[in-house]
Protein backbone atom coordinates (compact mmCIF):
# COMPACT_ATOMS: atom_id res chain seq x y z
CA MET A 1 68.11 -22.48 7.44
CA LEU A 2 66.60 -25.29 5.03
CA PHE A 3 64.48 -26.32 7.76
CA LEU A 4 62.58 -22.86 8.22
CA LEU A 5 62.27 -22.53 4.72
CA GLY A 6 60.32 -25.30 3.99
CA ALA A 7 57.92 -24.40 7.23
CA ALA A 8 57.41 -21.46 5.58
CA SER A 9 56.94 -23.14 2.33
CA GLN A 10 54.52 -24.78 3.81
CA ALA A 11 52.62 -22.46 5.88
CA LEU A 12 51.95 -20.01 2.11
CA ALA A 13 51.24 -23.79 0.27
CA ALA A 14 48.05 -24.00 2.89
CA GLU A 15 46.45 -20.94 1.52
CA GLU A 16 43.50 -21.89 -0.51
CA PRO A 17 42.98 -19.87 -4.05
CA PRO A 18 41.63 -16.72 -3.93
CA TYR A 19 38.58 -15.93 -4.88
CA GLU A 20 38.07 -14.59 -9.16
CA PHE A 21 37.13 -11.80 -10.91
CA SER A 22 33.87 -12.45 -12.97
CA ALA A 23 33.13 -9.91 -15.59
CA GLN A 24 29.80 -11.77 -15.87
CA LEU A 25 28.16 -10.69 -12.61
CA SER A 26 30.86 -7.47 -12.77
CA LEU A 27 28.55 -4.34 -13.30
CA THR A 28 29.46 -0.65 -13.98
CA GLY A 29 25.47 0.82 -14.41
CA GLY A 30 26.09 1.11 -18.14
CA CYS A 31 26.54 -0.37 -20.49
CA GLY A 32 30.52 0.26 -21.45
CA THR A 33 33.04 -2.53 -21.72
CA SER A 34 36.60 -2.46 -21.98
CA SER A 35 39.96 -4.94 -22.51
CA GLU A 36 40.17 -6.76 -18.34
CA ASP A 37 36.77 -6.24 -18.27
CA PRO A 38 34.85 -7.29 -21.91
CA ILE A 39 31.37 -7.96 -20.69
CA PRO A 40 28.40 -4.99 -20.82
CA ASP A 41 26.28 -5.36 -17.61
CA PRO A 42 23.70 -7.95 -18.06
CA GLY A 43 20.53 -6.73 -19.90
CA CYS A 44 21.76 -4.29 -21.76
CA PRO A 45 21.19 -1.76 -23.88
CA GLU A 46 17.07 -2.26 -22.84
CA LYS A 47 17.30 -2.62 -19.22
CA HIS A 48 20.62 -0.16 -17.25
CA PRO A 49 19.64 3.19 -15.14
CA PRO A 50 18.44 5.95 -16.68
CA GLU A 51 20.49 8.50 -16.81
CA ILE A 52 21.87 11.13 -13.97
CA TRP A 53 18.80 13.90 -13.48
CA GLY A 54 20.67 17.41 -13.73
CA CYS A 55 23.43 17.07 -14.91
CA ASN A 56 25.11 17.72 -18.61
CA PRO A 57 25.30 16.11 -21.65
CA GLN A 58 27.77 13.97 -21.02
CA CYS A 59 27.01 12.06 -18.15
CA THR A 60 25.97 8.46 -18.29
CA SER A 61 24.68 6.14 -16.29
CA ASN A 62 27.04 4.79 -15.19
CA PHE A 63 27.75 4.61 -11.28
CA ASN A 64 29.28 7.72 -9.92
CA ARG A 65 31.89 7.14 -7.18
CA PRO A 66 30.03 3.57 -5.65
CA TYR A 67 30.67 3.15 -2.05
CA ALA A 68 28.54 0.01 -1.58
CA VAL A 69 27.00 -3.07 -2.98
CA ALA A 70 24.54 -4.98 0.03
CA ILE A 71 22.52 -8.05 -1.23
CA ASP A 72 19.20 -8.86 -0.20
CA SER A 73 17.63 -12.54 1.07
CA PHE A 74 16.97 -12.90 -2.22
CA GLY A 75 20.51 -12.07 -4.16
CA ASP A 76 19.49 -8.65 -5.02
CA GLU A 77 22.55 -6.32 -5.58
CA TYR A 78 21.69 -2.55 -4.21
CA VAL A 79 24.73 -0.30 -5.37
CA THR A 80 25.18 2.64 -4.19
CA SER A 81 26.94 5.99 -6.16
CA TYR A 82 27.58 9.05 -4.51
CA GLY A 83 27.86 10.79 -7.55
CA THR A 84 30.20 13.98 -8.41
CA GLU A 85 28.28 16.79 -6.66
CA GLU A 86 29.38 15.64 -2.93
CA GLY A 87 25.92 13.81 -2.98
CA LYS A 88 23.62 15.67 -4.57
CA GLN A 89 23.26 13.03 -7.54
CA GLY A 90 23.68 10.23 -5.56
CA ARG A 91 21.67 6.87 -6.09
CA ILE A 92 20.95 3.87 -5.17
CA ASP A 93 20.36 1.14 -8.43
CA VAL A 94 18.93 -2.01 -7.75
CA PHE A 95 19.95 -5.19 -10.05
CA SER A 96 19.02 -8.33 -9.39
CA PRO A 97 21.11 -11.76 -8.77
CA GLU A 98 21.80 -12.47 -12.33
CA GLY A 99 22.49 -8.49 -13.00
CA VAL A 100 19.76 -6.87 -14.70
CA PHE A 101 18.53 -3.47 -13.67
CA ILE A 102 15.56 -3.38 -11.63
CA THR A 103 14.99 0.40 -9.86
CA GLU A 104 16.57 3.63 -8.68
CA ILE A 105 16.20 4.72 -6.19
CA LYS A 106 17.77 8.54 -5.79
CA ASP A 107 19.35 9.62 -2.05
CA GLU A 108 20.72 13.68 -2.88
CA LEU A 109 22.02 13.63 0.52
CA GLY A 110 24.84 10.86 -0.25
CA PRO A 111 24.31 7.60 0.33
CA LYS A 112 27.22 5.65 1.97
CA ASN A 113 26.43 2.90 3.86
CA VAL A 114 23.24 0.69 2.78
CA ALA A 115 21.68 -2.42 3.87
CA ILE A 116 18.10 -4.74 3.28
CA ASP A 117 16.41 -6.79 5.56
CA SER A 118 13.79 -9.65 4.80
CA THR A 119 11.23 -7.41 4.01
CA GLY A 120 12.69 -5.34 1.48
CA VAL A 121 12.98 -2.23 3.82
CA LEU A 122 16.12 -0.10 2.83
CA TYR A 123 18.71 1.27 5.34
CA VAL A 124 21.30 3.87 4.67
CA PHE A 125 23.66 5.81 6.13
CA ASP A 126 23.79 9.27 3.99
CA GLN A 127 26.38 11.70 4.74
CA SER A 128 27.16 15.27 3.16
CA PRO A 129 29.47 17.99 3.51
CA THR A 130 26.17 20.37 4.21
CA HIS A 131 24.87 17.41 6.71
CA LYS A 132 25.50 15.57 9.11
CA ALA A 133 25.38 11.88 8.95
CA GLU A 134 21.61 10.48 9.03
CA PHE A 135 20.99 6.76 9.08
CA ALA A 136 17.26 6.91 7.22
CA ARG A 137 15.12 3.89 5.08
CA TYR A 138 12.77 3.27 3.06
CA LYS A 139 9.60 1.47 2.64
CA PRO A 140 9.34 -0.85 -0.27
CA THR A 141 6.14 0.14 -2.36
CA VAL A 142 6.56 -2.91 -4.94
CA TYR A 143 8.51 -5.98 -3.49
CA LYS A 144 8.42 -8.62 -5.49
CA PRO A 145 12.48 -10.01 -6.10
CA ALA A 146 11.11 -13.82 -8.33
CA GLU A 147 9.81 -11.74 -10.31
CA GLU A 148 12.16 -8.30 -10.73
CA LYS A 149 9.83 -6.35 -9.61
CA ILE A 150 11.09 -4.01 -6.53
CA ALA A 151 9.94 -0.01 -6.08
CA TYR A 152 10.33 2.06 -3.17
CA GLY A 153 8.42 5.16 -1.35
CA GLY A 154 10.09 7.78 -0.06
CA ARG A 155 12.78 8.56 2.33
CA GLU A 156 12.24 8.13 6.49
CA LEU A 157 14.80 9.03 9.07
CA VAL A 158 15.56 6.44 10.90
CA ALA A 159 16.15 8.58 14.37
CA ALA A 160 16.95 12.07 15.22
CA GLU A 161 20.06 12.03 16.35
CA THR A 162 23.09 12.66 13.93
CA GLY A 163 26.62 10.91 13.57
CA PRO A 164 29.88 13.00 12.39
CA GLY A 165 31.07 10.49 9.80
CA GLU A 166 29.48 7.42 7.92
CA GLY A 167 28.84 4.58 9.75
CA GLY A 168 28.01 0.91 9.37
CA ILE A 169 24.80 -1.36 9.00
CA ALA A 170 23.97 -5.04 9.84
CA ILE A 171 21.06 -6.61 10.11
CA ASP A 172 19.85 -9.99 12.02
CA SER A 173 17.45 -12.80 11.33
CA ASN A 174 14.99 -10.56 13.04
CA ASP A 175 15.85 -7.68 10.64
CA HIS A 176 16.94 -5.54 14.38
CA VAL A 177 19.13 -3.49 12.48
CA PHE A 178 22.79 -3.17 14.47
CA VAL A 179 24.13 0.57 13.53
CA ASP A 180 27.10 2.07 13.56
CA TRP A 181 28.00 5.14 15.29
CA PRO A 182 31.55 6.60 14.78
CA ASN A 183 32.63 7.07 18.33
CA ILE A 184 29.88 6.47 20.17
CA GLY A 185 29.29 3.03 19.92
CA ILE A 186 27.06 0.08 17.93
CA LYS A 187 23.61 0.53 18.73
CA GLU A 188 20.71 -2.65 18.06
CA TYR A 189 17.59 -0.95 16.87
CA GLY A 190 14.26 -3.06 16.50
CA SER A 191 12.26 -3.93 12.98
CA ALA A 192 10.81 -1.81 11.24
CA GLU A 193 8.05 -3.81 11.88
CA GLU A 194 8.28 -2.60 15.69
CA GLY A 195 9.05 0.59 14.75
CA ASN A 196 12.94 0.72 14.48
CA GLU A 197 13.37 1.42 18.16
CA LEU A 198 16.28 1.91 19.78
CA LEU A 199 16.84 -1.55 22.27
CA LYS A 200 20.79 -1.65 22.81
CA THR A 201 23.94 -0.10 22.71
CA ILE A 202 27.45 -2.37 22.16
CA THR A 203 29.87 -0.25 24.10
CA ASP A 204 33.73 -1.35 24.05
CA PRO A 205 37.10 0.32 24.69
CA LYS A 206 38.42 -0.93 21.89
CA LEU A 207 35.75 0.73 19.73
CA GLN A 208 37.30 3.65 17.95
CA SER A 209 36.80 4.87 14.84
CA SER A 210 34.69 2.30 13.18
CA VAL A 211 33.30 2.29 10.03
CA PHE A 212 31.92 -1.21 8.84
CA ILE A 213 30.00 -3.26 10.82
CA ALA A 214 28.98 -7.27 9.80
CA LEU A 215 26.81 -10.19 11.46
CA ASP A 216 26.96 -13.51 10.96
CA LYS A 217 23.12 -14.47 12.02
CA GLN A 218 23.83 -18.29 12.47
CA ARG A 219 26.42 -18.01 14.79
CA ARG A 220 25.79 -14.17 16.40
CA ARG A 221 29.10 -13.16 15.80
CA LEU A 222 29.50 -9.09 15.38
CA TYR A 223 32.02 -8.14 12.75
CA ALA A 224 33.21 -4.23 13.35
CA SER A 225 36.38 -2.34 12.14
CA SER A 226 37.98 -0.35 14.98
CA CYS A 227 41.08 0.84 15.71
CA PRO A 228 41.86 0.48 19.32
CA GLY A 229 44.55 2.63 19.84
CA GLY A 230 43.47 6.22 18.23
CA ASP A 231 45.71 5.77 15.47
CA ILE A 232 43.53 5.21 12.19
CA THR A 233 47.12 3.39 10.46
CA GLU A 234 47.28 0.77 13.00
CA CYS A 235 43.25 -0.76 12.56
CA TRP A 236 42.07 -4.68 12.75
CA VAL A 237 38.15 -6.31 13.20
CA LEU A 238 37.00 -6.68 16.11
CA VAL A 239 34.37 -9.82 16.70
CA PHE A 240 31.81 -9.16 19.64
CA ASP A 241 29.24 -11.71 20.74
CA ALA A 242 25.54 -10.03 19.01
CA ASP A 243 24.25 -11.15 22.15
CA THR A 244 26.28 -10.41 25.32
CA HIS A 245 28.37 -7.82 23.50
CA GLU A 246 31.50 -9.98 24.78
CA LEU A 247 34.89 -9.30 22.79
CA LEU A 248 35.71 -12.86 21.16
CA LYS A 249 38.24 -12.48 19.12
CA GLU A 250 40.94 -9.50 17.64
CA VAL A 251 41.94 -9.90 14.06
CA GLU A 252 44.89 -7.78 14.13
CA GLY A 253 46.33 -9.02 9.67
CA PRO A 254 46.03 -11.96 7.96
CA ASN A 255 49.81 -12.65 9.30
CA PRO A 256 50.29 -10.67 12.17
CA PRO A 257 52.73 -9.84 13.99
CA GLU A 258 54.44 -9.74 10.63
CA GLN A 259 51.43 -8.89 8.37
CA LYS A 260 49.02 -5.97 9.64
CA PHE A 261 46.13 -4.42 8.32
CA LEU A 262 47.65 -1.32 6.48
CA SER A 263 44.62 0.83 6.52
CA GLN A 264 46.16 4.27 6.56
CA LYS A 265 42.37 6.34 7.37
CA GLY A 266 40.33 3.43 9.67
CA TRP A 267 38.65 2.49 6.35
CA ILE A 268 38.45 -2.11 6.42
CA SER A 269 35.34 -3.31 5.35
CA ILE A 270 33.95 -6.74 6.45
CA ALA A 271 31.48 -9.29 4.25
CA VAL A 272 30.58 -12.56 5.95
CA ASP A 273 29.21 -16.20 4.23
CA GLU A 274 26.82 -17.04 7.16
CA GLU A 275 26.98 -21.23 5.66
CA SER A 276 30.72 -21.61 6.28
CA GLY A 277 31.24 -18.86 8.51
CA ASP A 278 34.03 -17.11 6.40
CA PHE A 279 34.47 -13.67 6.86
CA PHE A 280 36.36 -11.58 4.19
CA VAL A 281 37.97 -7.79 5.45
CA GLY A 282 38.73 -5.62 2.71
CA ASP A 283 41.57 -3.60 3.00
CA LEU A 284 41.46 -1.19 0.66
CA GLU A 285 43.47 1.56 0.93
CA ALA A 286 46.87 0.80 1.12
CA THR A 287 47.24 -3.53 0.59
CA LYS A 288 44.29 -3.49 -2.09
CA ASN A 289 43.45 -6.76 -0.61
CA VAL A 290 40.38 -9.16 0.52
CA TYR A 291 42.06 -11.55 3.10
CA GLN A 292 39.05 -15.00 3.26
CA PHE A 293 39.83 -15.99 7.34
CA ASN A 294 37.17 -18.88 8.25
CA LYS A 295 35.44 -19.02 11.54
CA ASP A 296 38.43 -19.90 13.41
CA TYR A 297 40.24 -16.70 12.54
CA GLU A 298 42.78 -18.90 10.23
CA LEU A 299 43.67 -17.16 6.97
CA VAL A 300 42.28 -18.66 4.24
CA SER A 301 43.12 -16.89 1.10
CA THR A 302 44.30 -13.43 -0.59
CA LEU A 303 42.40 -11.59 -3.08
CA ALA A 304 45.04 -8.58 -4.34
CA LEU A 305 42.63 -6.68 -6.43
CA ASN A 306 43.38 -5.63 -10.62
CA PRO A 307 44.72 -2.13 -10.18
CA LYS A 308 42.98 -2.20 -13.88
CA LEU A 309 39.63 -2.37 -12.45
CA PHE A 310 39.69 -1.64 -8.87
CA GLY A 311 40.15 2.27 -7.45
CA GLY A 312 39.59 3.15 -3.71
CA GLY A 313 40.76 5.55 -1.47
CA GLU A 314 37.42 5.67 0.17
CA PRO A 315 36.01 4.19 2.58
CA MET A 316 33.73 1.81 0.70
CA GLN A 317 31.49 -1.40 1.53
CA ILE A 318 31.98 -4.98 0.33
CA ALA A 319 28.98 -8.24 0.51
CA LEU A 320 28.68 -11.68 0.19
CA SER A 321 25.78 -12.43 -1.36
CA ASN A 322 24.00 -15.96 1.25
CA ALA A 323 20.99 -15.73 -0.99
CA LYS A 324 20.24 -19.92 -1.42
CA GLY A 325 19.12 -20.67 -4.65
CA ALA A 326 20.61 -17.41 -6.38
CA PHE A 327 23.17 -16.98 -9.16
CA ASN A 328 24.93 -15.10 -7.39
CA GLU A 329 25.30 -17.27 -4.34
CA THR A 330 28.53 -16.91 -2.31
CA TYR A 331 29.79 -14.52 -4.98
CA LEU A 332 32.30 -11.72 -3.37
CA PHE A 333 31.28 -7.93 -4.72
CA VAL A 334 33.88 -4.90 -4.08
CA PRO A 335 32.18 -1.33 -5.45
CA SER A 336 35.66 0.49 -7.07
CA LEU A 337 35.99 4.11 -7.85
CA LYS A 338 36.80 3.49 -11.13
CA ASN A 339 33.20 3.46 -11.61
CA ARG A 340 32.44 -0.22 -10.64
CA ALA A 341 30.76 -3.19 -8.73
CA LEU A 342 33.06 -5.68 -9.36
CA ALA A 343 32.20 -9.23 -8.82
CA TYR A 344 34.44 -12.48 -7.59
CA SER A 345 33.15 -15.85 -7.94
CA PRO A 346 34.59 -18.61 -5.06
CA PRO A 347 37.66 -20.08 -7.02
CA ALA A 348 36.84 -23.31 -9.08
CA GLU A 349 36.62 -26.27 -6.82
CA PRO A 350 40.25 -28.37 -7.70
CA PRO A 351 40.13 -31.65 -9.71
CA ALA A 352 39.75 -35.17 -7.45
CA LYS A 353 43.03 -36.84 -6.46
CA VAL A 354 43.38 -40.12 -7.79
CA LYS A 355 45.02 -41.82 -5.22
CA SER A 356 47.46 -44.45 -7.34
CA ILE A 357 47.87 -48.27 -7.38
CA SER A 358 50.98 -50.77 -7.79
CA VAL A 359 49.80 -53.78 -8.61
CA ALA A 360 52.83 -56.80 -8.56
CA SER A 361 52.36 -58.79 -11.77
């Protein structure tokens, strides 16, 4: 019995400290504060999103049902707000790596998932109760992130087909766009410069009821949430080779079979650290945890989200900044239905261990 207890203790000790909440880079879209998040958005009060249009005087610039966060290659943060009127007040707010507001894009069809390519083209999966899900893009009219100057033109439909629900979006180093069409497959489109032509489709019997995808550009690994048995309460992460479409791994939970992901509706979100190969799985419904795994699929840490800051219950896309040298490099971002985009920094480096040496007198 003592041996078993010791083994369990060693397993627990092997898990590293989780990411730490950053009040400095967490955003509300406005300038409010709270005891748990005491620092207002950077740039306040001068720079913040405009007040919601077509709404009563009580409305503010704060996020309203933020479903997704995405980070571009410069570290700029894109936060969607779905709004209270079923997507009609949808918008995408853009912030610098330091969290200073830059611009806002109106999207009245209900933005649920977003991604940005290396040239600034913004891709979005829209869905509202009166419209099936659509895959669209916004091309930048100005894209100078270093000068905090970003602006976008009008919405352009990318694919004529529509889907039954929201889908995931990921972009590779060639600016090819991978789109997870629920119950259809993951389709790879060419870059915007190439006209976003459909190139190929990834299908697999285990790829069912999937919502979110993420791409490790360096290792060419494509991560997809899936419910292989068709049961949305038993979902995990499938890892594919992005080129051959070979299924490389099935990640069923932080410590299966004893501890699996506890998805209630199949909403498991994924983000990737492209430098280390670590990937993050947001199991945001029941456990409200974000699990960090290394490139060998081993559990690294568990981040338990603070219920005073985090609210779930909808499909929400997490993100990690892979922008080299940016202020927010390697920060993890989690949208919250408490109308926040929560930021988490990597754990502080532990102090170096000093080896003691006894010297005989």
